[in-house]
Amino acid sequence: MTLRLYAWMMLLAVTSSAHVAAAQSAAPTLAVDVTAEEIAAVAKAMTGGDEEIKIVDLGKYNLGVAILKRGALKPANPVTALNHTRLTEVYYVTSGSGTLVTGGEVTNVKPMADTNPLVTTVVGPSNTAVFTKPAQVRVIKAGDVVVIPAGVYHGWSEIPDHVQYVSVRPDVERVLPGGYINPTLKK
C-alpha cells in the first residue's frame, strides 16, 4: 500500500463526510478506517475476484470499499461486459496492469440474479453483456484511478499477468448492506 493510496482514500473519505454532514441532520461522528493490513488480509483470503472489505453507513447513503483481483487474460474478442445499474465505482490500481474497455454498445444483456452474493453485497443490481462497439479501450496500471459511473459497461480485454485494485463505491440508493464487515476481518 502506498502513501499515494492513503492520500487518495483520505481525500475521498473527507469529501464524502463533508457532503454527508451538509446533506443530513445527524452526520456520523466517527471515522472508519480501512487499513492496509485489512486490505491485505481480505485479498489473501479471496476465493473469487471481488471482495467487499467494508460498507460504511454514512446516514443518507453507504460507501463500500472492496478489493478486486483479476488474473492473466489473453486478448479477448468479443469482450465480456458488466454494468452496475445503481452504483458508481472508483478504481485505484494497486498492482499489475490490463486493458480496460468501457462504454459503448453491447448485446446479449442479461440481468444478474438478485440472489447472487456479488449483487447483494458487492455491486448491487447488475447486468452482463458482450461489447460490440466499445467507446474506450486503454491500458491502466498501478497508480491509475478510473471512475466508472453507474450504468456504464466495463470489462477487461487483456491482462498480461494480473491487475489488483481497490474499488470505492458510493451507494446513494443504499442497495448494499450498511455496516457490513468482511468475515475475514471478524476472525
Protein backbone atom coordinates (compact mmCIF):
# COMPACT_ATOMS: atom_id res chain seq x y z
CA MET A 1 0.00 0.00 0.00
CA THR A 2 1.47 3.32 -0.96
CA LEU A 3 1.27 6.75 0.59
CA ARG A 4 -0.49 7.86 -2.59
CA LEU A 5 -3.31 5.34 -1.97
CA TYR A 6 -3.74 6.50 1.62
CA ALA A 7 -3.86 10.15 0.50
CA TRP A 8 -6.42 9.31 -2.19
CA MET A 9 -8.61 7.33 0.23
CA MET A 10 -8.42 10.10 2.85
CA LEU A 11 -9.44 12.71 0.29
CA LEU A 12 -12.41 10.57 -0.71
CA ALA A 13 -13.41 9.98 2.93
CA VAL A 14 -13.13 13.68 3.83
CA THR A 15 -15.09 14.71 0.73
CA SER A 16 -17.77 12.09 1.41
CA SER A 17 -18.02 13.02 5.10
CA ALA A 18 -18.33 16.73 4.33
CA HIS A 19 -21.03 16.01 1.75
CA VAL A 20 -22.96 13.82 4.20
CA ALA A 21 -22.63 16.38 7.01
CA ALA A 22 -24.13 19.03 4.76
CA ALA A 23 -26.89 16.72 3.49
CA GLN A 24 -28.27 15.31 6.74
CA SER A 25 -29.11 16.46 10.23
CA ALA A 26 -27.26 13.73 12.15
CA ALA A 27 -23.89 13.18 10.48
CA PRO A 28 -21.71 10.25 11.56
CA THR A 29 -19.45 11.24 14.44
CA LEU A 30 -16.55 8.81 13.91
CA ALA A 31 -14.26 7.97 11.01
CA VAL A 32 -13.95 4.43 9.69
CA ASP A 33 -10.53 3.11 8.77
CA VAL A 34 -9.78 0.55 6.10
CA THR A 35 -6.18 -0.29 6.89
CA ALA A 36 -3.50 -1.71 4.62
CA GLU A 37 -3.50 -4.80 6.84
CA GLU A 38 -7.26 -5.27 6.37
CA ILE A 39 -6.99 -4.88 2.61
CA ALA A 40 -4.11 -7.40 2.53
CA ALA A 41 -5.98 -9.89 4.77
CA VAL A 42 -9.10 -9.82 2.59
CA ALA A 43 -7.00 -10.03 -0.60
CA LYS A 44 -5.12 -13.05 0.78
CA ALA A 45 -8.34 -14.86 1.74
CA MET A 46 -10.15 -14.12 -1.54
CA THR A 47 -11.78 -17.07 -3.25
CA GLY A 48 -13.27 -15.01 -6.08
CA GLY A 49 -12.27 -11.87 -7.91
CA ASP A 50 -14.29 -9.33 -5.89
CA GLU A 51 -14.47 -8.99 -2.11
CA GLU A 52 -16.14 -6.22 -0.20
CA ILE A 53 -13.96 -5.14 2.74
CA LYS A 54 -16.37 -2.78 4.49
CA ILE A 55 -19.61 -0.98 3.71
CA VAL A 56 -19.85 2.17 5.80
CA ASP A 57 -23.26 3.54 6.76
CA LEU A 58 -22.95 7.31 6.32
CA GLY A 59 -26.54 8.15 7.14
CA LYS A 60 -28.21 9.08 3.87
CA TYR A 61 -26.01 6.71 1.86
CA ASN A 62 -23.47 3.91 2.20
CA LEU A 63 -19.89 3.76 0.96
CA GLY A 64 -18.39 0.41 0.00
CA VAL A 65 -14.66 -0.35 -0.13
CA ALA A 66 -13.63 -3.54 -1.92
CA ILE A 67 -10.56 -5.30 -3.26
CA LEU A 68 -10.63 -6.85 -6.73
CA LYS A 69 -8.12 -9.15 -8.42
CA ARG A 70 -8.02 -10.38 -11.99
CA GLY A 71 -5.57 -12.98 -13.24
CA ALA A 72 -3.89 -13.18 -16.63
CA LEU A 73 -6.27 -12.89 -19.57
CA LYS A 74 -5.24 -13.44 -23.16
CA PRO A 75 -6.55 -10.91 -25.68
CA ALA A 76 -10.30 -11.45 -25.94
CA ASN A 77 -12.71 -10.67 -28.74
CA PRO A 78 -15.56 -10.27 -28.07
CA VAL A 79 -15.08 -8.75 -24.61
CA THR A 80 -17.47 -9.64 -21.80
CA ALA A 81 -19.14 -6.54 -20.35
CA LEU A 82 -20.63 -5.83 -16.94
CA ASN A 83 -22.51 -2.86 -15.57
CA HIS A 84 -23.86 -1.89 -12.17
CA THR A 85 -27.12 -0.05 -12.63
CA ARG A 86 -27.18 1.81 -9.30
CA LEU A 87 -23.54 2.11 -8.16
CA THR A 88 -20.63 4.17 -9.40
CA GLU A 89 -17.18 2.63 -8.93
CA VAL A 90 -13.84 4.33 -8.38
CA TYR A 91 -10.86 2.04 -9.08
CA TYR A 92 -7.39 2.64 -7.67
CA VAL A 93 -5.00 0.17 -9.26
CA THR A 94 -2.53 -1.14 -6.65
CA SER A 95 -0.57 -3.61 -8.79
CA GLY A 96 -0.36 -5.01 -12.29
CA SER A 97 -1.97 -3.70 -15.46
CA GLY A 98 -4.56 -4.54 -18.07
CA THR A 99 -6.57 -3.25 -20.99
CA LEU A 100 -9.84 -1.83 -19.68
CA VAL A 101 -12.82 -1.46 -22.01
CA THR A 102 -15.66 0.93 -21.03
CA GLY A 103 -18.83 2.38 -22.50
CA GLY A 104 -20.20 1.93 -25.99
CA GLU A 105 -22.57 -0.60 -27.48
CA VAL A 106 -23.33 -4.07 -26.11
CA THR A 107 -25.54 -7.05 -26.99
CA ASN A 108 -26.86 -10.10 -25.16
CA VAL A 109 -27.72 -8.18 -21.98
CA LYS A 110 -28.62 -10.48 -19.08
CA PRO A 111 -29.51 -9.32 -15.56
CA MET A 112 -27.52 -10.93 -12.75
CA ALA A 113 -29.69 -12.84 -10.27
CA ASP A 114 -30.89 -10.77 -7.30
CA THR A 115 -29.76 -13.61 -5.02
CA ASN A 116 -26.16 -13.62 -6.31
CA PRO A 117 -23.86 -12.62 -3.39
CA LEU A 118 -21.98 -10.32 -5.78
CA VAL A 119 -25.25 -8.41 -6.28
CA THR A 120 -26.40 -8.46 -2.64
CA THR A 121 -23.09 -7.49 -1.02
CA VAL A 122 -20.65 -6.04 -3.56
CA VAL A 123 -22.08 -4.25 -6.62
CA GLY A 124 -25.87 -4.11 -6.39
CA PRO A 125 -28.15 -4.76 -9.38
CA SER A 126 -26.02 -5.53 -12.44
CA ASN A 127 -26.09 -6.90 -15.98
CA THR A 128 -23.70 -8.93 -18.08
CA ALA A 129 -23.36 -8.42 -21.83
CA VAL A 130 -20.91 -8.55 -24.72
CA PHE A 131 -19.23 -5.47 -26.20
CA THR A 132 -19.98 -4.89 -29.89
CA LYS A 133 -18.55 -1.38 -30.15
CA PRO A 134 -16.64 -0.16 -27.07
CA ALA A 135 -16.29 3.59 -26.55
CA GLN A 136 -12.96 3.46 -24.70
CA VAL A 137 -10.07 0.97 -24.76
CA ARG A 138 -6.91 1.75 -22.80
CA VAL A 139 -4.21 0.21 -20.63
CA ILE A 140 -4.41 1.05 -16.94
CA LYS A 141 -1.64 0.32 -14.48
CA ALA A 142 -0.62 0.58 -10.83
CA GLY A 143 -1.27 4.11 -9.57
CA ASP A 144 -4.09 4.88 -12.02
CA VAL A 145 -7.59 5.89 -10.88
CA VAL A 146 -10.67 5.21 -13.03
CA VAL A 147 -14.24 6.40 -12.31
CA ILE A 148 -16.95 4.18 -13.80
CA PRO A 149 -20.39 5.84 -13.46
CA ALA A 150 -23.45 3.73 -12.66
CA GLY A 151 -24.79 2.00 -15.77
CA VAL A 152 -21.53 2.18 -17.78
CA TYR A 153 -20.46 -1.21 -19.15
CA HIS A 154 -16.88 -2.24 -18.43
CA GLY A 155 -14.62 -5.24 -18.85
CA TRP A 156 -11.07 -6.42 -19.45
CA SER A 157 -9.87 -7.33 -22.95
CA GLU A 158 -6.35 -8.36 -21.89
CA ILE A 159 -4.36 -8.73 -18.68
CA PRO A 160 -0.70 -9.69 -19.19
CA ASP A 161 -0.13 -11.06 -15.65
CA HIS A 162 -2.66 -9.68 -13.14
CA VAL A 163 -4.36 -6.50 -12.04
CA GLN A 164 -5.39 -5.73 -8.46
CA TYR A 165 -7.36 -2.68 -7.44
CA VAL A 166 -9.25 -1.12 -4.57
CA SER A 167 -12.78 -0.07 -5.51
CA VAL A 168 -14.71 2.60 -3.64
CA ARG A 169 -18.46 2.60 -4.33
CA PRO A 170 -20.76 5.43 -3.24
CA ASP A 171 -24.13 3.77 -2.59
CA VAL A 172 -26.57 6.67 -2.66
CA GLU A 173 -29.59 4.36 -3.05
CA ARG A 174 -28.47 2.11 -0.15
CA VAL A 175 -28.64 -1.12 -2.16
CA LEU A 176 -25.73 -2.63 -0.20
CA PRO A 177 -25.88 -3.66 3.48
CA GLY A 178 -24.57 -0.72 5.53
CA GLY A 179 -22.29 -1.78 8.38
CA TYR A 180 -21.01 -4.85 6.52
CA ILE A 181 -17.54 -6.06 7.52
CA ASN A 182 -15.84 -8.86 5.58
CA PRO A 183 -15.93 -12.10 7.61
CA THR A 184 -12.13 -12.43 7.27
CA LEU A 185 -11.77 -9.34 9.46
CA LYS A 186 -14.04 -10.74 12.15
CA LYS A 187 -11.74 -13.71 12.88
